[in-house]
Amino acid sequence: MSFTVSDLEDLQRLTSDLRDHLRRLTENIARLDDGLLKLHYARKVAGAFGDWLWEAQSVDPDELWDRLEPHLGHEDTGDALLADVLVRGRVARLPERPEAYLIVEISAVIDDHDVERAIRRTELFRRAGYSAIPAVAGREATGAAKALAEGRGVAMLQDGQESYWDEALRHWPVA
């Protein structure tokens, strides 16, 4: 059996189309996985974050809009409230148990962008006068995400394993 140049070009085009299709399919599955993980953490706040915050409860972003906007303006308030999960509770490891918010970014594979978003949104909450601590959660984390989280004091929950909480409390004091 012999192939013509046209046959080979068709095969190359088909292979390229198949590669593109698989890439899009993989990206869609990753987005679905991230979405399911966000729903899981939002529903299991007390179980997931209860070692960090006593009486941990998920906070509806809508109830915070009117409190944040006078301090942050419209655009920054919108950004702050785009956090994947907002958690309110009492800091378990501090004797006076002050109230604080966890500003949580969630991704199946936590990367440095997730850590940076958690930091940026936490800074917005703190600018508005809230005791807030950044956190990231997911199944896995890149080396860059781990290094950034440790260095910048971002609590990490990776496949149920807690990391950097003490660093987060030192870096983001709660009163």
C-alpha atoms as a PDB file:
ATOM      1  CA  MET A   1       0.000   0.000   0.000  1.00  0.00           C
ATOM      2  CA  SER A   2       1.402   3.392  -0.896  1.00  0.00           C
ATOM      3  CA  PHE A   3       0.462   6.825   0.317  1.00  0.00           C
ATOM      4  CA  THR A   4       0.406   9.996  -1.662  1.00  0.00           C
ATOM      5  CA  VAL A   5       1.572  13.386  -0.452  1.00  0.00           C
ATOM      6  CA  SER A   6      -2.083  14.361  -0.188  1.00  0.00           C
ATOM      7  CA  ASP A   7      -2.790  11.324   2.014  1.00  0.00           C
ATOM      8  CA  LEU A   8       0.079  12.261   4.333  1.00  0.00           C
ATOM      9  CA  GLU A   9      -1.102  15.879   4.516  1.00  0.00           C
ATOM     10  CA  ASP A  10      -4.617  14.669   5.384  1.00  0.00           C
ATOM     11  CA  LEU A  11      -3.181  12.414   8.089  1.00  0.00           C
ATOM     12  CA  GLN A  12      -1.114  15.274   9.515  1.00  0.00           C
ATOM     13  CA  ARG A  13      -4.176  17.543   9.545  1.00  0.00           C
ATOM     14  CA  LEU A  14      -6.242  14.824  11.225  1.00  0.00           C
ATOM     15  CA  THR A  15      -3.515  14.232  13.810  1.00  0.00           C
ATOM     16  CA  SER A  16      -3.281  17.961  14.520  1.00  0.00           C
ATOM     17  CA  ASP A  17      -7.074  18.238  14.866  1.00  0.00           C
ATOM     18  CA  LEU A  18      -7.109  15.249  17.201  1.00  0.00           C
ATOM     19  CA  ARG A  19      -4.338  16.798  19.328  1.00  0.00           C
ATOM     20  CA  ASP A  20      -6.322  20.066  19.570  1.00  0.00           C
ATOM     21  CA  HIS A  21      -9.483  18.184  20.485  1.00  0.00           C
ATOM     22  CA  LEU A  22      -7.693  16.204  23.219  1.00  0.00           C
ATOM     23  CA  ARG A  23      -6.127  19.390  24.604  1.00  0.00           C
ATOM     24  CA  ARG A  24      -9.542  21.098  24.807  1.00  0.00           C
ATOM     25  CA  LEU A  25     -11.084  17.995  26.351  1.00  0.00           C
ATOM     26  CA  THR A  26      -8.313  17.836  28.957  1.00  0.00           C
ATOM     27  CA  GLU A  27      -8.774  21.541  29.775  1.00  0.00           C
ATOM     28  CA  ASN A  28     -12.541  21.067  30.136  1.00  0.00           C
ATOM     29  CA  ILE A  29     -12.075  18.099  32.459  1.00  0.00           C
ATOM     30  CA  ALA A  30      -9.627  20.125  34.565  1.00  0.00           C
ATOM     31  CA  ARG A  31     -12.163  22.970  34.836  1.00  0.00           C
ATOM     32  CA  LEU A  32     -14.888  20.526  35.860  1.00  0.00           C
ATOM     33  CA  ASP A  33     -12.561  18.958  38.427  1.00  0.00           C
ATOM     34  CA  ASP A  34     -11.751  22.404  39.854  1.00  0.00           C
ATOM     35  CA  GLY A  35     -15.455  23.259  40.000  1.00  0.00           C
ATOM     36  CA  LEU A  36     -16.357  20.051  41.820  1.00  0.00           C
ATOM     37  CA  LEU A  37     -13.530  20.581  44.274  1.00  0.00           C
ATOM     38  CA  LYS A  38     -14.751  24.128  44.995  1.00  0.00           C
ATOM     39  CA  LEU A  39     -18.254  22.803  45.680  1.00  0.00           C
ATOM     40  CA  HIS A  40     -16.808  20.106  47.945  1.00  0.00           C
ATOM     41  CA  TYR A  41     -14.856  22.595  50.062  1.00  0.00           C
ATOM     42  CA  ALA A  42     -17.776  25.042  50.192  1.00  0.00           C
ATOM     43  CA  ARG A  43     -20.040  22.300  51.558  1.00  0.00           C
ATOM     44  CA  LYS A  44     -17.458  20.832  53.961  1.00  0.00           C
ATOM     45  CA  VAL A  45     -16.079  24.047  55.486  1.00  0.00           C
ATOM     46  CA  ALA A  46     -16.129  22.869  59.110  1.00  0.00           C
ATOM     47  CA  GLY A  47     -14.454  19.569  58.282  1.00  0.00           C
ATOM     48  CA  ALA A  48     -11.871  21.034  55.944  1.00  0.00           C
ATOM     49  CA  PHE A  49     -10.917  24.165  57.887  1.00  0.00           C
ATOM     50  CA  GLY A  50     -12.104  23.338  61.419  1.00  0.00           C
ATOM     51  CA  ASP A  51      -8.580  22.680  62.701  1.00  0.00           C
ATOM     52  CA  TRP A  52      -7.685  26.259  61.778  1.00  0.00           C
ATOM     53  CA  LEU A  53     -10.937  28.021  62.656  1.00  0.00           C
ATOM     54  CA  TRP A  54     -13.383  26.921  65.334  1.00  0.00           C
ATOM     55  CA  GLU A  55     -17.046  27.321  64.441  1.00  0.00           C
ATOM     56  CA  ALA A  56     -15.940  27.612  60.811  1.00  0.00           C
ATOM     57  CA  GLN A  57     -18.744  28.511  58.464  1.00  0.00           C
ATOM     58  CA  SER A  58     -18.989  29.430  54.822  1.00  0.00           C
ATOM     59  CA  VAL A  59     -19.832  33.075  54.199  1.00  0.00           C
ATOM     60  CA  ASP A  60     -22.087  34.182  51.363  1.00  0.00           C
ATOM     61  CA  PRO A  61     -20.181  36.884  49.436  1.00  0.00           C
ATOM     62  CA  ASP A  62     -23.433  38.810  48.913  1.00  0.00           C
ATOM     63  CA  GLU A  63     -23.676  39.557  52.635  1.00  0.00           C
ATOM     64  CA  LEU A  64     -20.250  41.251  52.585  1.00  0.00           C
ATOM     65  CA  TRP A  65     -20.661  43.516  49.557  1.00  0.00           C
ATOM     66  CA  ASP A  66     -22.172  46.474  51.423  1.00  0.00           C
ATOM     67  CA  ARG A  67     -19.529  46.222  54.155  1.00  0.00           C
ATOM     68  CA  LEU A  68     -16.544  46.079  51.792  1.00  0.00           C
ATOM     69  CA  GLU A  69     -17.496  48.541  49.073  1.00  0.00           C
ATOM     70  CA  PRO A  70     -17.251  51.752  51.143  1.00  0.00           C
ATOM     71  CA  HIS A  71     -13.625  50.835  51.941  1.00  0.00           C
ATOM     72  CA  LEU A  72     -12.561  49.282  48.646  1.00  0.00           C
ATOM     73  CA  GLY A  73     -14.693  50.722  45.866  1.00  0.00           C
ATOM     74  CA  HIS A  74     -16.694  48.740  43.352  1.00  0.00           C
ATOM     75  CA  GLU A  75     -13.909  47.021  41.381  1.00  0.00           C
ATOM     76  CA  ASP A  76     -11.803  45.878  44.348  1.00  0.00           C
ATOM     77  CA  THR A  77     -14.899  44.685  46.205  1.00  0.00           C
ATOM     78  CA  GLY A  78     -15.821  42.565  43.198  1.00  0.00           C
ATOM     79  CA  ASP A  79     -12.322  41.100  43.102  1.00  0.00           C
ATOM     80  CA  ALA A  80     -12.254  40.386  46.857  1.00  0.00           C
ATOM     81  CA  LEU A  81     -15.561  38.554  46.681  1.00  0.00           C
ATOM     82  CA  LEU A  82     -14.433  36.348  43.793  1.00  0.00           C
ATOM     83  CA  ALA A  83     -12.507  34.184  46.272  1.00  0.00           C
ATOM     84  CA  ASP A  84     -13.491  30.559  45.784  1.00  0.00           C
ATOM     85  CA  VAL A  85     -14.574  30.121  49.413  1.00  0.00           C
ATOM     86  CA  LEU A  86     -14.881  32.616  52.258  1.00  0.00           C
ATOM     87  CA  VAL A  87     -14.765  31.119  55.741  1.00  0.00           C
ATOM     88  CA  ARG A  88     -15.463  32.855  59.049  1.00  0.00           C
ATOM     89  CA  GLY A  89     -14.536  31.410  62.427  1.00  0.00           C
ATOM     90  CA  ARG A  90     -12.436  31.754  65.552  1.00  0.00           C
ATOM     91  CA  VAL A  91      -8.684  31.129  65.291  1.00  0.00           C
ATOM     92  CA  ALA A  92      -8.174  27.822  67.078  1.00  0.00           C
ATOM     93  CA  ARG A  93      -4.491  28.182  67.991  1.00  0.00           C
ATOM     94  CA  LEU A  94      -4.721  31.596  69.581  1.00  0.00           C
ATOM     95  CA  PRO A  95      -5.775  31.683  73.240  1.00  0.00           C
ATOM     96  CA  GLU A  96      -8.209  34.586  72.869  1.00  0.00           C
ATOM     97  CA  ARG A  97      -9.858  32.901  69.828  1.00  0.00           C
ATOM     98  CA  PRO A  98     -10.296  36.078  67.737  1.00  0.00           C
ATOM     99  CA  GLU A  99     -12.625  36.004  64.770  1.00  0.00           C
ATOM    100  CA  ALA A 100     -10.984  35.835  61.351  1.00  0.00           C
ATOM    101  CA  TYR A 101     -11.781  35.131  57.732  1.00  0.00           C
ATOM    102  CA  LEU A 102     -10.009  32.619  55.544  1.00  0.00           C
ATOM    103  CA  ILE A 103      -9.803  33.785  51.959  1.00  0.00           C
ATOM    104  CA  VAL A 104      -9.497  30.473  50.099  1.00  0.00           C
ATOM    105  CA  GLU A 105      -8.505  29.797  46.506  1.00  0.00           C
ATOM    106  CA  ILE A 106      -9.126  26.232  45.343  1.00  0.00           C
ATOM    107  CA  SER A 107      -7.666  24.298  42.452  1.00  0.00           C
ATOM    108  CA  ALA A 108      -7.076  20.600  41.802  1.00  0.00           C
ATOM    109  CA  VAL A 109      -3.426  21.505  41.203  1.00  0.00           C
ATOM    110  CA  ILE A 110      -2.516  24.536  43.309  1.00  0.00           C
ATOM    111  CA  ASP A 111      -0.074  26.786  41.480  1.00  0.00           C
ATOM    112  CA  ASP A 112       1.623  30.080  42.268  1.00  0.00           C
ATOM    113  CA  HIS A 113      -1.247  32.014  40.637  1.00  0.00           C
ATOM    114  CA  ASP A 114      -3.686  30.528  43.169  1.00  0.00           C
ATOM    115  CA  VAL A 115      -1.382  31.580  46.008  1.00  0.00           C
ATOM    116  CA  GLU A 116      -1.032  35.097  44.563  1.00  0.00           C
ATOM    117  CA  ARG A 117      -4.821  35.466  44.209  1.00  0.00           C
ATOM    118  CA  ALA A 118      -5.332  34.388  47.831  1.00  0.00           C
ATOM    119  CA  ILE A 119      -2.768  36.984  48.961  1.00  0.00           C
ATOM    120  CA  ARG A 120      -4.246  39.776  46.821  1.00  0.00           C
ATOM    121  CA  ARG A 121      -7.783  39.138  48.010  1.00  0.00           C
ATOM    122  CA  THR A 122      -6.699  38.836  51.634  1.00  0.00           C
ATOM    123  CA  GLU A 123      -4.934  42.196  51.363  1.00  0.00           C
ATOM    124  CA  LEU A 124      -8.220  43.691  50.125  1.00  0.00           C
ATOM    125  CA  PHE A 125     -10.139  42.279  53.101  1.00  0.00           C
ATOM    126  CA  ARG A 126      -7.498  43.592  55.484  1.00  0.00           C
ATOM    127  CA  ARG A 127      -7.603  47.021  53.823  1.00  0.00           C
ATOM    128  CA  ALA A 128     -11.334  47.025  54.585  1.00  0.00           C
ATOM    129  CA  GLY A 129     -10.577  46.341  58.260  1.00  0.00           C
ATOM    130  CA  TYR A 130     -11.147  42.574  58.441  1.00  0.00           C
ATOM    131  CA  SER A 131      -8.811  40.081  60.093  1.00  0.00           C
ATOM    132  CA  ALA A 132      -8.166  37.854  57.110  1.00  0.00           C
ATOM    133  CA  ILE A 133      -5.756  35.026  56.350  1.00  0.00           C
ATOM    134  CA  PRO A 134      -5.008  33.664  52.868  1.00  0.00           C
ATOM    135  CA  ALA A 135      -5.351  29.947  52.167  1.00  0.00           C
ATOM    136  CA  VAL A 136      -5.212  27.610  49.196  1.00  0.00           C
ATOM    137  CA  ALA A 137      -6.665  24.122  48.907  1.00  0.00           C
ATOM    138  CA  GLY A 138      -6.448  21.312  46.381  1.00  0.00           C
ATOM    139  CA  ARG A 139      -5.274  17.803  45.657  1.00  0.00           C
ATOM    140  CA  GLU A 140      -1.740  18.648  44.595  1.00  0.00           C
ATOM    141  CA  ALA A 141       0.554  21.667  44.623  1.00  0.00           C
ATOM    142  CA  THR A 142       3.422  22.707  42.410  1.00  0.00           C
ATOM    143  CA  GLY A 143       6.834  23.314  43.932  1.00  0.00           C
ATOM    144  CA  ALA A 144       6.533  27.013  43.113  1.00  0.00           C
ATOM    145  CA  ALA A 145       3.169  27.197  44.910  1.00  0.00           C
ATOM    146  CA  LYS A 146       4.583  25.516  48.022  1.00  0.00           C
ATOM    147  CA  ALA A 147       7.598  27.819  48.133  1.00  0.00           C
ATOM    148  CA  LEU A 148       5.474  30.939  47.643  1.00  0.00           C
ATOM    149  CA  ALA A 149       2.878  29.818  50.208  1.00  0.00           C
ATOM    150  CA  GLU A 150       5.528  29.119  52.819  1.00  0.00           C
ATOM    151  CA  GLY A 151       7.425  32.338  52.126  1.00  0.00           C
ATOM    152  CA  ARG A 152       4.352  34.595  52.076  1.00  0.00           C
ATOM    153  CA  GLY A 153       2.438  32.915  54.904  1.00  0.00           C
ATOM    154  CA  VAL A 154      -0.392  31.311  52.964  1.00  0.00           C
ATOM    155  CA  ALA A 155      -2.028  28.329  54.667  1.00  0.00           C
ATOM    156  CA  MET A 156      -2.247  25.278  52.426  1.00  0.00           C
ATOM    157  CA  LEU A 157      -4.566  22.296  52.523  1.00  0.00           C
ATOM    158  CA  GLN A 158      -3.233  19.737  50.081  1.00  0.00           C
ATOM    159  CA  ASP A 159      -5.209  16.503  49.811  1.00  0.00           C
ATOM    160  CA  GLY A 160      -6.196  16.856  53.471  1.00  0.00           C
ATOM    161  CA  GLN A 161      -2.643  17.633  54.620  1.00  0.00           C
ATOM    162  CA  GLU A 162      -2.276  21.008  56.356  1.00  0.00           C
ATOM    163  CA  SER A 163       0.798  23.164  55.792  1.00  0.00           C
ATOM    164  CA  TYR A 164       2.010  26.667  56.657  1.00  0.00           C
ATOM    165  CA  TRP A 165      -0.759  27.580  59.136  1.00  0.00           C
ATOM    166  CA  ASP A 166       1.725  28.788  61.743  1.00  0.00           C
ATOM    167  CA  GLU A 167       3.530  30.791  59.060  1.00  0.00           C
ATOM    168  CA  ALA A 168       0.195  32.303  58.032  1.00  0.00           C
ATOM    169  CA  LEU A 169      -0.606  33.352  61.597  1.00  0.00           C
ATOM    170  CA  ARG A 170       2.813  34.991  61.955  1.00  0.00           C
ATOM    171  CA  HIS A 171       2.604  36.761  58.604  1.00  0.00           C
ATOM    172  CA  TRP A 172      -1.060  37.851  58.929  1.00  0.00           C
ATOM    173  CA  PRO A 173      -1.598  38.752  62.606  1.00  0.00           C
ATOM    174  CA  VAL A 174      -5.154  38.483  63.868  1.00  0.00           C
ATOM    175  CA  ALA A 175      -6.407  40.823  66.587  1.00  0.00           C
END
